[in-house]
PDB file of N, CA and C in Angstrom:
ATOM      1  N   LEU A   1       3.905 -24.397   8.067  1.00  0.00           N
ATOM      2  CA  LEU A   1       3.939 -24.225   6.666  1.00  0.00           C
ATOM      3  C   LEU A   1       3.262 -25.430   5.901  1.00  0.00           C
ATOM      4  N   THR A   2       3.446 -26.617   6.333  1.00  0.00           N
ATOM      5  CA  THR A   2       2.827 -27.792   5.735  1.00  0.00           C
ATOM      6  C   THR A   2       1.894 -28.508   6.733  1.00  0.00           C
ATOM      7  N   ASN A   3       1.643 -27.880   7.820  1.00  0.00           N
ATOM      8  CA  ASN A   3       0.774 -28.510   8.949  1.00  0.00           C
ATOM      9  C   ASN A   3       1.327 -29.879   9.378  1.00  0.00           C
ATOM     10  N   GLY A   4       2.658 -29.999   9.314  1.00  0.00           N
ATOM     11  CA  GLY A   4       3.311 -31.191   9.766  1.00  0.00           C
ATOM     12  C   GLY A   4       3.255 -32.308   8.776  1.00  0.00           C
ATOM     13  N   LEU A   5       2.758 -32.086   7.580  1.00  0.00           N
ATOM     14  CA  LEU A   5       2.656 -33.154   6.589  1.00  0.00           C
ATOM     15  C   LEU A   5       3.891 -33.334   5.739  1.00  0.00           C
ATOM     16  N   GLY A   6       4.693 -32.242   5.609  1.00  0.00           N
ATOM     17  CA  GLY A   6       5.945 -32.370   4.768  1.00  0.00           C
ATOM     18  C   GLY A   6       5.616 -31.654   3.436  1.00  0.00           C
ATOM     19  N   ALA A   7       6.727 -31.474   2.653  1.00  0.00           N
ATOM     20  CA  ALA A   7       6.651 -30.846   1.413  1.00  0.00           C
ATOM     21  C   ALA A   7       6.134 -31.801   0.291  1.00  0.00           C
ATOM     22  N   HIS A   8       5.446 -31.204  -0.687  1.00  0.00           N
ATOM     23  CA  HIS A   8       5.055 -31.992  -1.863  1.00  0.00           C
ATOM     24  C   HIS A   8       6.281 -32.368  -2.659  1.00  0.00           C
ATOM     25  N   ALA A   9       7.244 -31.393  -2.727  1.00  0.00           N
ATOM     26  CA  ALA A   9       8.463 -31.648  -3.464  1.00  0.00           C
ATOM     27  C   ALA A   9       9.647 -30.864  -2.885  1.00  0.00           C
ATOM     28  N   VAL A  10      10.804 -31.459  -3.029  1.00  0.00           N
ATOM     29  CA  VAL A  10      12.074 -30.778  -2.580  1.00  0.00           C
ATOM     30  C   VAL A  10      13.024 -30.777  -3.810  1.00  0.00           C
ATOM     31  N   VAL A  11      13.393 -29.523  -4.226  1.00  0.00           N
ATOM     32  CA  VAL A  11      14.273 -29.412  -5.364  1.00  0.00           C
ATOM     33  C   VAL A  11      15.639 -29.070  -4.815  1.00  0.00           C
ATOM     34  N   VAL A  12      16.570 -30.003  -5.024  1.00  0.00           N
ATOM     35  CA  VAL A  12      17.936 -29.803  -4.489  1.00  0.00           C
ATOM     36  C   VAL A  12      18.763 -29.284  -5.630  1.00  0.00           C
ATOM     37  N   CYS A  13      19.159 -28.032  -5.502  1.00  0.00           N
ATOM     38  CA  CYS A  13      19.983 -27.324  -6.553  1.00  0.00           C
ATOM     39  C   CYS A  13      21.424 -27.216  -6.163  1.00  0.00           C
ATOM     40  N   THR A  14      21.726 -27.517  -4.948  1.00  0.00           N
ATOM     41  CA  THR A  14      23.111 -27.351  -4.527  1.00  0.00           C
ATOM     42  C   THR A  14      23.952 -28.624  -4.773  1.00  0.00           C
ATOM     43  N   ALA A  15      25.255 -28.451  -4.696  1.00  0.00           N
ATOM     44  CA  ALA A  15      26.168 -29.584  -4.826  1.00  0.00           C
ATOM     45  C   ALA A  15      26.534 -30.170  -3.511  1.00  0.00           C
ATOM     46  N   ASN A  16      25.804 -29.783  -2.462  1.00  0.00           N
ATOM     47  CA  ASN A  16      26.095 -30.192  -1.089  1.00  0.00           C
ATOM     48  C   ASN A  16      25.399 -31.518  -0.757  1.00  0.00           C
ATOM     49  N   ASN A  17      26.207 -32.515  -0.435  1.00  0.00           N
ATOM     50  CA  ASN A  17      25.636 -33.885  -0.061  1.00  0.00           C
ATOM     51  C   ASN A  17      24.673 -33.829   1.059  1.00  0.00           C
ATOM     52  N   ALA A  18      24.883 -32.931   2.036  1.00  0.00           N
ATOM     53  CA  ALA A  18      23.993 -32.851   3.206  1.00  0.00           C
ATOM     54  C   ALA A  18      22.596 -32.449   2.812  1.00  0.00           C
ATOM     55  N   ALA A  19      22.491 -31.625   1.784  1.00  0.00           N
ATOM     56  CA  ALA A  19      21.134 -31.213   1.328  1.00  0.00           C
ATOM     57  C   ALA A  19      20.414 -32.451   0.794  1.00  0.00           C
ATOM     58  N   TYR A  20      21.104 -33.281   0.023  1.00  0.00           N
ATOM     59  CA  TYR A  20      20.491 -34.506  -0.489  1.00  0.00           C
ATOM     60  C   TYR A  20      20.138 -35.439   0.673  1.00  0.00           C
ATOM     61  N   GLY A  21      21.035 -35.482   1.638  1.00  0.00           N
ATOM     62  CA  GLY A  21      20.776 -36.397   2.803  1.00  0.00           C
ATOM     63  C   GLY A  21      19.616 -36.139   3.584  1.00  0.00           C
ATOM     64  N   SER A  22      19.171 -34.839   3.684  1.00  0.00           N
ATOM     65  CA  SER A  22      17.950 -34.502   4.475  1.00  0.00           C
ATOM     66  C   SER A  22      16.736 -34.355   3.563  1.00  0.00           C
ATOM     67  N   SER A  23      16.888 -34.437   2.280  1.00  0.00           N
ATOM     68  CA  SER A  23      15.750 -34.044   1.341  1.00  0.00           C
ATOM     69  C   SER A  23      14.580 -35.053   1.513  1.00  0.00           C
ATOM     70  N   LEU A  24      14.769 -36.331   1.623  1.00  0.00           N
ATOM     71  CA  LEU A  24      13.640 -37.299   1.755  1.00  0.00           C
ATOM     72  C   LEU A  24      12.903 -37.085   3.118  1.00  0.00           C
ATOM     73  N   ASP A  25      13.617 -36.679   4.144  1.00  0.00           N
ATOM     74  CA  ASP A  25      12.930 -36.457   5.408  1.00  0.00           C
ATOM     75  C   ASP A  25      11.954 -35.327   5.433  1.00  0.00           C
ATOM     76  N   LEU A  26      12.125 -34.457   4.438  1.00  0.00           N
ATOM     77  CA  LEU A  26      11.260 -33.245   4.352  1.00  0.00           C
ATOM     78  C   LEU A  26       9.922 -33.508   3.641  1.00  0.00           C
ATOM     79  N   LEU A  27       9.801 -34.675   3.021  1.00  0.00           N
ATOM     80  CA  LEU A  27       8.690 -34.920   2.128  1.00  0.00           C
ATOM     81  C   LEU A  27       7.459 -35.511   2.876  1.00  0.00           C
ATOM     82  N   ARG A  28       6.300 -35.191   2.326  1.00  0.00           N
ATOM     83  CA  ARG A  28       4.991 -35.830   2.799  1.00  0.00           C
ATOM     84  C   ARG A  28       4.826 -37.122   1.976  1.00  0.00           C
ATOM     85  N   PHE A  29       3.785 -37.925   2.324  1.00  0.00           N
ATOM     86  CA  PHE A  29       3.438 -39.100   1.635  1.00  0.00           C
ATOM     87  C   PHE A  29       3.284 -38.708   0.136  1.00  0.00           C
ATOM     88  N   GLY A  30       3.878 -39.476  -0.753  1.00  0.00           N
ATOM     89  CA  GLY A  30       3.748 -39.216  -2.206  1.00  0.00           C
ATOM     90  C   GLY A  30       4.611 -38.117  -2.711  1.00  0.00           C
ATOM     91  N   GLY A  31       5.556 -37.606  -1.852  1.00  0.00           N
ATOM     92  CA  GLY A  31       6.400 -36.500  -2.249  1.00  0.00           C
ATOM     93  C   GLY A  31       7.509 -36.900  -3.287  1.00  0.00           C
ATOM     94  N   ARG A  32       8.217 -35.885  -3.773  1.00  0.00           N
ATOM     95  CA  ARG A  32       9.194 -36.072  -4.816  1.00  0.00           C
ATOM     96  C   ARG A  32      10.423 -35.281  -4.523  1.00  0.00           C
ATOM     97  N   VAL A  33      11.623 -35.836  -4.624  1.00  0.00           N
ATOM     98  CA  VAL A  33      12.876 -35.120  -4.629  1.00  0.00           C
ATOM     99  C   VAL A  33      13.266 -34.963  -6.014  1.00  0.00           C
ATOM    100  N   VAL A  34      13.597 -33.708  -6.420  1.00  0.00           N
ATOM    101  CA  VAL A  34      14.169 -33.464  -7.752  1.00  0.00           C
ATOM    102  C   VAL A  34      15.657 -33.089  -7.602  1.00  0.00           C
ATOM    103  N   CYS A  35      16.474 -33.912  -8.192  1.00  0.00           N
ATOM    104  CA  CYS A  35      17.927 -33.730  -8.048  1.00  0.00           C
ATOM    105  C   CYS A  35      18.440 -32.945  -9.208  1.00  0.00           C
ATOM    106  N   VAL A  36      18.909 -31.717  -8.965  1.00  0.00           N
ATOM    107  CA  VAL A  36      19.429 -30.855 -10.006  1.00  0.00           C
ATOM    108  C   VAL A  36      20.940 -30.622  -9.822  1.00  0.00           C
ATOM    109  N   GLY A  37      21.396 -30.261  -8.615  1.00  0.00           N
ATOM    110  CA  GLY A  37      22.815 -30.078  -8.374  1.00  0.00           C
ATOM    111  C   GLY A  37      23.528 -31.372  -8.331  1.00  0.00           C
ATOM    112  N   ILE A  38      24.732 -31.386  -8.835  1.00  0.00           N
ATOM    113  CA  ILE A  38      25.504 -32.655  -8.807  1.00  0.00           C
ATOM    114  C   ILE A  38      26.696 -32.452  -7.900  1.00  0.00           C
ATOM    115  N   PRO A  39      26.707 -33.209  -6.777  1.00  0.00           N
ATOM    116  CA  PRO A  39      27.773 -33.091  -5.798  1.00  0.00           C
ATOM    117  C   PRO A  39      29.168 -33.442  -6.439  1.00  0.00           C
ATOM    118  N   GLU A  40      30.119 -32.733  -5.989  1.00  0.00           N
ATOM    119  CA  GLU A  40      31.470 -32.961  -6.548  1.00  0.00           C
ATOM    120  C   GLU A  40      32.197 -33.879  -5.519  1.00  0.00           C
ATOM    121  N   GLY A  41      33.312 -34.447  -5.976  1.00  0.00           N
ATOM    122  CA  GLY A  41      34.109 -35.344  -5.172  1.00  0.00           C
ATOM    123  C   GLY A  41      33.587 -36.745  -5.115  1.00  0.00           C
ATOM    124  N   ASP A  42      33.758 -37.371  -3.957  1.00  0.00           N
ATOM    125  CA  ASP A  42      33.417 -38.765  -3.823  1.00  0.00           C
ATOM    126  C   ASP A  42      31.899 -38.924  -3.843  1.00  0.00           C
ATOM    127  N   VAL A  43      31.475 -40.003  -4.468  1.00  0.00           N
ATOM    128  CA  VAL A  43      30.083 -40.360  -4.547  1.00  0.00           C
ATOM    129  C   VAL A  43      29.575 -40.722  -3.154  1.00  0.00           C
ATOM    130  N   VAL A  44      28.538 -40.095  -2.700  1.00  0.00           N
ATOM    131  CA  VAL A  44      28.061 -40.361  -1.375  1.00  0.00           C
ATOM    132  C   VAL A  44      26.510 -40.702  -1.545  1.00  0.00           C
ATOM    133  N   PRO A  45      26.010 -41.832  -1.063  1.00  0.00           N
ATOM    134  CA  PRO A  45      24.614 -42.124  -1.219  1.00  0.00           C
ATOM    135  C   PRO A  45      23.766 -41.186  -0.375  1.00  0.00           C
ATOM    136  N   MET A  46      22.477 -41.031  -0.774  1.00  0.00           N
ATOM    137  CA  MET A  46      21.589 -40.164  -0.053  1.00  0.00           C
ATOM    138  C   MET A  46      21.344 -40.786   1.317  1.00  0.00           C
ATOM    139  N   LYS A  47      21.700 -40.118   2.366  1.00  0.00           N
ATOM    140  CA  LYS A  47      21.678 -40.642   3.734  1.00  0.00           C
ATOM    141  C   LYS A  47      20.328 -41.266   4.155  1.00  0.00           C
ATOM    142  N   SER A  48      19.257 -40.673   3.729  1.00  0.00           N
ATOM    143  CA  SER A  48      17.948 -41.150   4.214  1.00  0.00           C
ATOM    144  C   SER A  48      17.230 -41.979   3.222  1.00  0.00           C
ATOM    145  N   ALA A  49      17.872 -42.400   2.195  1.00  0.00           N
ATOM    146  CA  ALA A  49      17.175 -43.100   1.036  1.00  0.00           C
ATOM    147  C   ALA A  49      17.085 -44.609   1.319  1.00  0.00           C
ATOM    148  N   SER A  50      16.425 -44.986   2.362  1.00  0.00           N
ATOM    149  CA  SER A  50      16.246 -46.429   2.575  1.00  0.00           C
ATOM    150  C   SER A  50      15.054 -46.867   1.807  1.00  0.00           C
ATOM    151  N   PRO A  51      15.115 -48.145   1.298  1.00  0.00           N
ATOM    152  CA  PRO A  51      13.895 -48.618   0.573  1.00  0.00           C
ATOM    153  C   PRO A  51      12.672 -48.581   1.343  1.00  0.00           C
ATOM    154  N   GLY A  52      12.745 -48.948   2.684  1.00  0.00           N
ATOM    155  CA  GLY A  52      11.513 -48.944   3.470  1.00  0.00           C
ATOM    156  C   GLY A  52      10.883 -47.543   3.524  1.00  0.00           C
ATOM    157  N   MET A  53      11.602 -46.485   3.624  1.00  0.00           N
ATOM    158  CA  MET A  53      11.073 -45.161   3.699  1.00  0.00           C
ATOM    159  C   MET A  53      10.502 -44.821   2.313  1.00  0.00           C
ATOM    160  N   ILE A  54      11.255 -45.096   1.249  1.00  0.00           N
ATOM    161  CA  ILE A  54      10.784 -44.744  -0.095  1.00  0.00           C
ATOM    162  C   ILE A  54       9.450 -45.476  -0.422  1.00  0.00           C
ATOM    163  N   VAL A  55       9.370 -46.735  -0.122  1.00  0.00           N
ATOM    164  CA  VAL A  55       8.198 -47.516  -0.360  1.00  0.00           C
ATOM    165  C   VAL A  55       7.060 -47.070   0.555  1.00  0.00           C
ATOM    166  N   GLY A  56       7.413 -47.037   1.828  1.00  0.00           N
ATOM    167  CA  GLY A  56       6.361 -46.676   2.840  1.00  0.00           C
ATOM    168  C   GLY A  56       5.679 -45.352   2.685  1.00  0.00           C
ATOM    169  N   LYS A  57       6.472 -44.360   2.210  1.00  0.00           N
ATOM    170  CA  LYS A  57       5.882 -43.080   2.024  1.00  0.00           C
ATOM    171  C   LYS A  57       5.569 -42.802   0.520  1.00  0.00           C
ATOM    172  N   ALA A  58       5.754 -43.774  -0.305  1.00  0.00           N
ATOM    173  CA  ALA A  58       5.520 -43.660  -1.750  1.00  0.00           C
ATOM    174  C   ALA A  58       6.209 -42.472  -2.393  1.00  0.00           C
ATOM    175  N   LEU A  59       7.518 -42.377  -2.096  1.00  0.00           N
ATOM    176  CA  LEU A  59       8.332 -41.263  -2.527  1.00  0.00           C
ATOM    177  C   LEU A  59       8.894 -41.476  -3.900  1.00  0.00           C
ATOM    178  N   GLN A  60       9.221 -40.399  -4.571  1.00  0.00           N
ATOM    179  CA  GLN A  60       9.862 -40.466  -5.861  1.00  0.00           C
ATOM    180  C   GLN A  60      11.162 -39.598  -5.799  1.00  0.00           C
ATOM    181  N   VAL A  61      12.227 -40.163  -6.443  1.00  0.00           N
ATOM    182  CA  VAL A  61      13.488 -39.438  -6.620  1.00  0.00           C
ATOM    183  C   VAL A  61      13.702 -39.335  -8.085  1.00  0.00           C
ATOM    184  N   VAL A  62      13.773 -38.102  -8.577  1.00  0.00           N
ATOM    185  CA  VAL A  62      13.998 -37.967 -10.045  1.00  0.00           C
ATOM    186  C   VAL A  62      15.175 -36.989 -10.302  1.00  0.00           C
ATOM    187  N   GLY A  63      15.856 -37.177 -11.386  1.00  0.00           N
ATOM    188  CA  GLY A  63      16.941 -36.272 -11.776  1.00  0.00           C
ATOM    189  C   GLY A  63      16.429 -35.334 -12.878  1.00  0.00           C
ATOM    190  N   SER A  64      16.968 -34.123 -12.858  1.00  0.00           N
ATOM    191  CA  SER A  64      16.629 -33.110 -13.879  1.00  0.00           C
ATOM    192  C   SER A  64      17.868 -32.386 -14.348  1.00  0.00           C
ATOM    193  N   ALA A  65      18.148 -32.454 -15.597  1.00  0.00           N
ATOM    194  CA  ALA A  65      19.277 -31.687 -16.141  1.00  0.00           C
ATOM    195  C   ALA A  65      18.894 -30.176 -15.967  1.00  0.00           C
ATOM    196  N   VAL A  66      19.896 -29.436 -15.722  1.00  0.00           N
ATOM    197  CA  VAL A  66      19.625 -27.955 -15.585  1.00  0.00           C
ATOM    198  C   VAL A  66      19.098 -27.437 -16.980  1.00  0.00           C
ATOM    199  N   GLY A  67      18.012 -26.626 -16.883  1.00  0.00           N
ATOM    200  CA  GLY A  67      17.329 -26.180 -18.037  1.00  0.00           C
ATOM    201  C   GLY A  67      18.100 -25.068 -18.820  1.00  0.00           C
ATOM    202  N   ASN A  68      17.479 -24.582 -19.847  1.00  0.00           N
ATOM    203  CA  ASN A  68      18.157 -23.555 -20.636  1.00  0.00           C
ATOM    204  C   ASN A  68      17.623 -22.161 -20.212  1.00  0.00           C
ATOM    205  N   ARG A  69      18.025 -21.167 -20.966  1.00  0.00           N
ATOM    206  CA  ARG A  69      17.688 -19.784 -20.560  1.00  0.00           C
ATOM    207  C   ARG A  69      16.168 -19.579 -20.644  1.00  0.00           C
ATOM    208  N   LYS A  70      15.539 -20.092 -21.668  1.00  0.00           N
ATOM    209  CA  LYS A  70      14.104 -19.939 -21.834  1.00  0.00           C
ATOM    210  C   LYS A  70      13.318 -20.546 -20.640  1.00  0.00           C
ATOM    211  N   GLU A  71      13.796 -21.691 -20.208  1.00  0.00           N
ATOM    212  CA  GLU A  71      13.065 -22.388 -19.045  1.00  0.00           C
ATOM    213  C   GLU A  71      13.325 -21.494 -17.772  1.00  0.00           C
ATOM    214  N   ALA A  72      14.531 -20.984 -17.609  1.00  0.00           N
ATOM    215  CA  ALA A  72      14.806 -20.140 -16.462  1.00  0.00           C
ATOM    216  C   ALA A  72      13.885 -18.888 -16.411  1.00  0.00           C
ATOM    217  N   ILE A  73      13.689 -18.242 -17.554  1.00  0.00           N
ATOM    218  CA  ILE A  73      12.808 -17.117 -17.692  1.00  0.00           C
ATOM    219  C   ILE A  73      11.379 -17.522 -17.359  1.00  0.00           C
ATOM    220  N   GLU A  74      10.907 -18.704 -17.877  1.00  0.00           N
ATOM    221  CA  GLU A  74       9.580 -19.135 -17.541  1.00  0.00           C
ATOM    222  C   GLU A  74       9.399 -19.390 -16.060  1.00  0.00           C
ATOM    223  N   THR A  75      10.413 -19.940 -15.447  1.00  0.00           N
ATOM    224  CA  THR A  75      10.364 -20.157 -14.007  1.00  0.00           C
ATOM    225  C   THR A  75      10.236 -18.829 -13.206  1.00  0.00           C
ATOM    226  N   MET A  76      10.990 -17.804 -13.619  1.00  0.00           N
ATOM    227  CA  MET A  76      10.883 -16.510 -13.004  1.00  0.00           C
ATOM    228  C   MET A  76       9.499 -15.894 -13.194  1.00  0.00           C
ATOM    229  N   GLU A  77       8.909 -16.164 -14.409  1.00  0.00           N
ATOM    230  CA  GLU A  77       7.550 -15.680 -14.683  1.00  0.00           C
ATOM    231  C   GLU A  77       6.543 -16.353 -13.753  1.00  0.00           C
ATOM    232  N   PHE A  78       6.740 -17.669 -13.449  1.00  0.00           N
ATOM    233  CA  PHE A  78       5.856 -18.301 -12.486  1.00  0.00           C
ATOM    234  C   PHE A  78       5.934 -17.617 -11.165  1.00  0.00           C
ATOM    235  N   ALA A  79       7.115 -17.234 -10.665  1.00  0.00           N
ATOM    236  CA  ALA A  79       7.329 -16.581  -9.425  1.00  0.00           C
ATOM    237  C   ALA A  79       6.625 -15.177  -9.445  1.00  0.00           C
ATOM    238  N   ALA A  80       6.809 -14.514 -10.586  1.00  0.00           N
ATOM    239  CA  ALA A  80       6.231 -13.130 -10.701  1.00  0.00           C
ATOM    240  C   ALA A  80       4.732 -13.194 -10.630  1.00  0.00           C
ATOM    241  N   ARG A  81       4.070 -14.261 -11.161  1.00  0.00           N
ATOM    242  CA  ARG A  81       2.651 -14.376 -11.147  1.00  0.00           C
ATOM    243  C   ARG A  81       2.114 -14.916  -9.799  1.00  0.00           C
ATOM    244  N   GLY A  82       3.065 -15.178  -8.876  1.00  0.00           N
ATOM    245  CA  GLY A  82       2.651 -15.704  -7.589  1.00  0.00           C
ATOM    246  C   GLY A  82       2.361 -17.159  -7.482  1.00  0.00           C
ATOM    247  N   ILE A  83       2.752 -17.892  -8.527  1.00  0.00           N
ATOM    248  CA  ILE A  83       2.515 -19.357  -8.586  1.00  0.00           C
ATOM    249  C   ILE A  83       3.540 -20.030  -7.595  1.00  0.00           C
ATOM    250  N   VAL A  84       4.764 -19.497  -7.557  1.00  0.00           N
ATOM    251  CA  VAL A  84       5.848 -19.988  -6.756  1.00  0.00           C
ATOM    252  C   VAL A  84       6.015 -18.912  -5.610  1.00  0.00           C
ATOM    253  N   LYS A  85       5.920 -19.303  -4.384  1.00  0.00           N
ATOM    254  CA  LYS A  85       6.081 -18.415  -3.298  1.00  0.00           C
ATOM    255  C   LYS A  85       7.353 -18.735  -2.476  1.00  0.00           C
ATOM    256  N   THR A  86       8.123 -17.740  -2.193  1.00  0.00           N
ATOM    257  CA  THR A  86       9.341 -17.914  -1.448  1.00  0.00           C
ATOM    258  C   THR A  86       9.131 -17.475   0.011  1.00  0.00           C
ATOM    259  N   HIS A  87       9.529 -18.276   0.948  1.00  0.00           N
ATOM    260  CA  HIS A  87       9.414 -17.960   2.351  1.00  0.00           C
ATOM    261  C   HIS A  87      10.840 -17.666   2.877  1.00  0.00           C
ATOM    262  N   TYR A  88      11.009 -16.477   3.430  1.00  0.00           N
ATOM    263  CA  TYR A  88      12.338 -16.133   3.988  1.00  0.00           C
ATOM    264  C   TYR A  88      12.239 -15.129   5.099  1.00  0.00           C
ATOM    265  N   THR A  89      13.313 -15.026   5.798  1.00  0.00           N
ATOM    266  CA  THR A  89      13.398 -13.996   6.860  1.00  0.00           C
ATOM    267  C   THR A  89      14.809 -13.333   6.636  1.00  0.00           C
ATOM    268  N   VAL A  90      14.894 -12.125   7.065  1.00  0.00           N
ATOM    269  CA  VAL A  90      16.151 -11.371   7.009  1.00  0.00           C
ATOM    270  C   VAL A  90      16.660 -11.154   8.451  1.00  0.00           C
ATOM    271  N   GLU A  91      17.818 -11.559   8.693  1.00  0.00           N
ATOM    272  CA  GLU A  91      18.422 -11.386  10.008  1.00  0.00           C
ATOM    273  C   GLU A  91      19.769 -10.673   9.924  1.00  0.00           C
ATOM    274  N   LYS A  92      20.191 -10.039  10.998  1.00  0.00           N
ATOM    275  CA  LYS A  92      21.553  -9.431  11.079  1.00  0.00           C
ATOM    276  C   LYS A  92      22.567 -10.540  11.258  1.00  0.00           C
ATOM    277  N   MET A  93      23.839 -10.241  10.923  1.00  0.00           N
ATOM    278  CA  MET A  93      24.910 -11.195  10.952  1.00  0.00           C
ATOM    279  C   MET A  93      25.110 -11.726  12.388  1.00  0.00           C
ATOM    280  N   ASP A  94      24.786 -10.834  13.402  1.00  0.00           N
ATOM    281  CA  ASP A  94      25.042 -11.261  14.785  1.00  0.00           C
ATOM    282  C   ASP A  94      24.057 -12.340  15.242  1.00  0.00           C
ATOM    283  N   LYS A  95      23.030 -12.600  14.443  1.00  0.00           N
ATOM    284  CA  LYS A  95      22.036 -13.658  14.729  1.00  0.00           C
ATOM    285  C   LYS A  95      22.383 -14.970  14.011  1.00  0.00           C
ATOM    286  N   LEU A  96      23.481 -15.010  13.273  1.00  0.00           N
ATOM    287  CA  LEU A  96      23.840 -16.136  12.475  1.00  0.00           C
ATOM    288  C   LEU A  96      23.832 -17.472  13.204  1.00  0.00           C
ATOM    289  N   THR A  97      24.460 -17.480  14.400  1.00  0.00           N
ATOM    290  CA  THR A  97      24.494 -18.705  15.144  1.00  0.00           C
ATOM    291  C   THR A  97      23.108 -19.170  15.551  1.00  0.00           C
ATOM    292  N   SER A  98      22.222 -18.250  15.900  1.00  0.00           N
ATOM    293  CA  SER A  98      20.898 -18.522  16.245  1.00  0.00           C
ATOM    294  C   SER A  98      20.143 -19.110  15.104  1.00  0.00           C
ATOM    295  N   VAL A  99      20.320 -18.551  13.903  1.00  0.00           N
ATOM    296  CA  VAL A  99      19.669 -19.010  12.656  1.00  0.00           C
ATOM    297  C   VAL A  99      20.096 -20.485  12.396  1.00  0.00           C
ATOM    298  N   PHE A 100      21.423 -20.738  12.489  1.00  0.00           N
ATOM    299  CA  PHE A 100      21.824 -22.142  12.280  1.00  0.00           C
ATOM    300  C   PHE A 100      21.293 -23.074  13.339  1.00  0.00           C
ATOM    301  N   GLU A 101      21.101 -22.643  14.550  1.00  0.00           N
ATOM    302  CA  GLU A 101      20.498 -23.463  15.578  1.00  0.00           C
ATOM    303  C   GLU A 101      19.058 -23.806  15.196  1.00  0.00           C
ATOM    304  N   GLN A 102      18.368 -22.778  14.705  1.00  0.00           N
ATOM    305  CA  GLN A 102      16.934 -22.962  14.288  1.00  0.00           C
ATOM    306  C   GLN A 102      16.840 -23.926  13.126  1.00  0.00           C
ATOM    307  N   MET A 103      17.796 -23.799  12.145  1.00  0.00           N
ATOM    308  CA  MET A 103      17.890 -24.680  11.045  1.00  0.00           C
ATOM    309  C   MET A 103      18.121 -26.107  11.510  1.00  0.00           C
ATOM    310  N   ASP A 104      19.026 -26.334  12.372  1.00  0.00           N
ATOM    311  CA  ASP A 104      19.304 -27.607  12.907  1.00  0.00           C
ATOM    312  C   ASP A 104      18.108 -28.316  13.643  1.00  0.00           C
ATOM    313  N   LYS A 105      17.308 -27.493  14.319  1.00  0.00           N
ATOM    314  CA  LYS A 105      16.155 -27.984  14.997  1.00  0.00           C
ATOM    315  C   LYS A 105      14.917 -28.114  14.112  1.00  0.00           C
ATOM    316  N   GLY A 106      15.046 -27.665  12.812  1.00  0.00           N
ATOM    317  CA  GLY A 106      13.942 -27.690  11.899  1.00  0.00           C
ATOM    318  C   GLY A 106      12.824 -26.666  12.243  1.00  0.00           C
ATOM    319  N   GLU A 107      13.189 -25.570  12.833  1.00  0.00           N
ATOM    320  CA  GLU A 107      12.276 -24.588  13.287  1.00  0.00           C
ATOM    321  C   GLU A 107      11.984 -23.522  12.181  1.00  0.00           C
ATOM    322  N   LEU A 108      12.848 -23.437  11.202  1.00  0.00           N
ATOM    323  CA  LEU A 108      12.711 -22.386  10.118  1.00  0.00           C
ATOM    324  C   LEU A 108      11.687 -22.812   9.089  1.00  0.00           C
ATOM    325  N   LYS A 109      10.872 -21.915   8.628  1.00  0.00           N
ATOM    326  CA  LYS A 109       9.931 -22.266   7.511  1.00  0.00           C
ATOM    327  C   LYS A 109      10.508 -21.725   6.219  1.00  0.00           C
ATOM    328  N   GLY A 110      10.384 -22.612   5.198  1.00  0.00           N
ATOM    329  CA  GLY A 110      10.877 -22.159   3.887  1.00  0.00           C
ATOM    330  C   GLY A 110      11.682 -23.248   3.275  1.00  0.00           C
TER     331      GLY A 110
END
């Protein structure tokens, strides 16, 4: 998907700390993490946010308040025009364990 370079950007919309913890590892040089979802409960630092990694890969971490209805519609229009592409696969429930194993190994694209 990225030829091993990593993503230009990772947008974390979930309130799951684990998603934030792995977000920086997914980026290419000069990539950006956009923090949208706000984790609940205890404050937990981003697991992979070491200064050495951020400086060495020239990464950016930015926060973004959730937009309004107009911005959500504009985002959907981007997707409809093909500017934003979603990568997904559909599997049956009996493959769930296998899918999680693939996610853990970083083998899924998307």
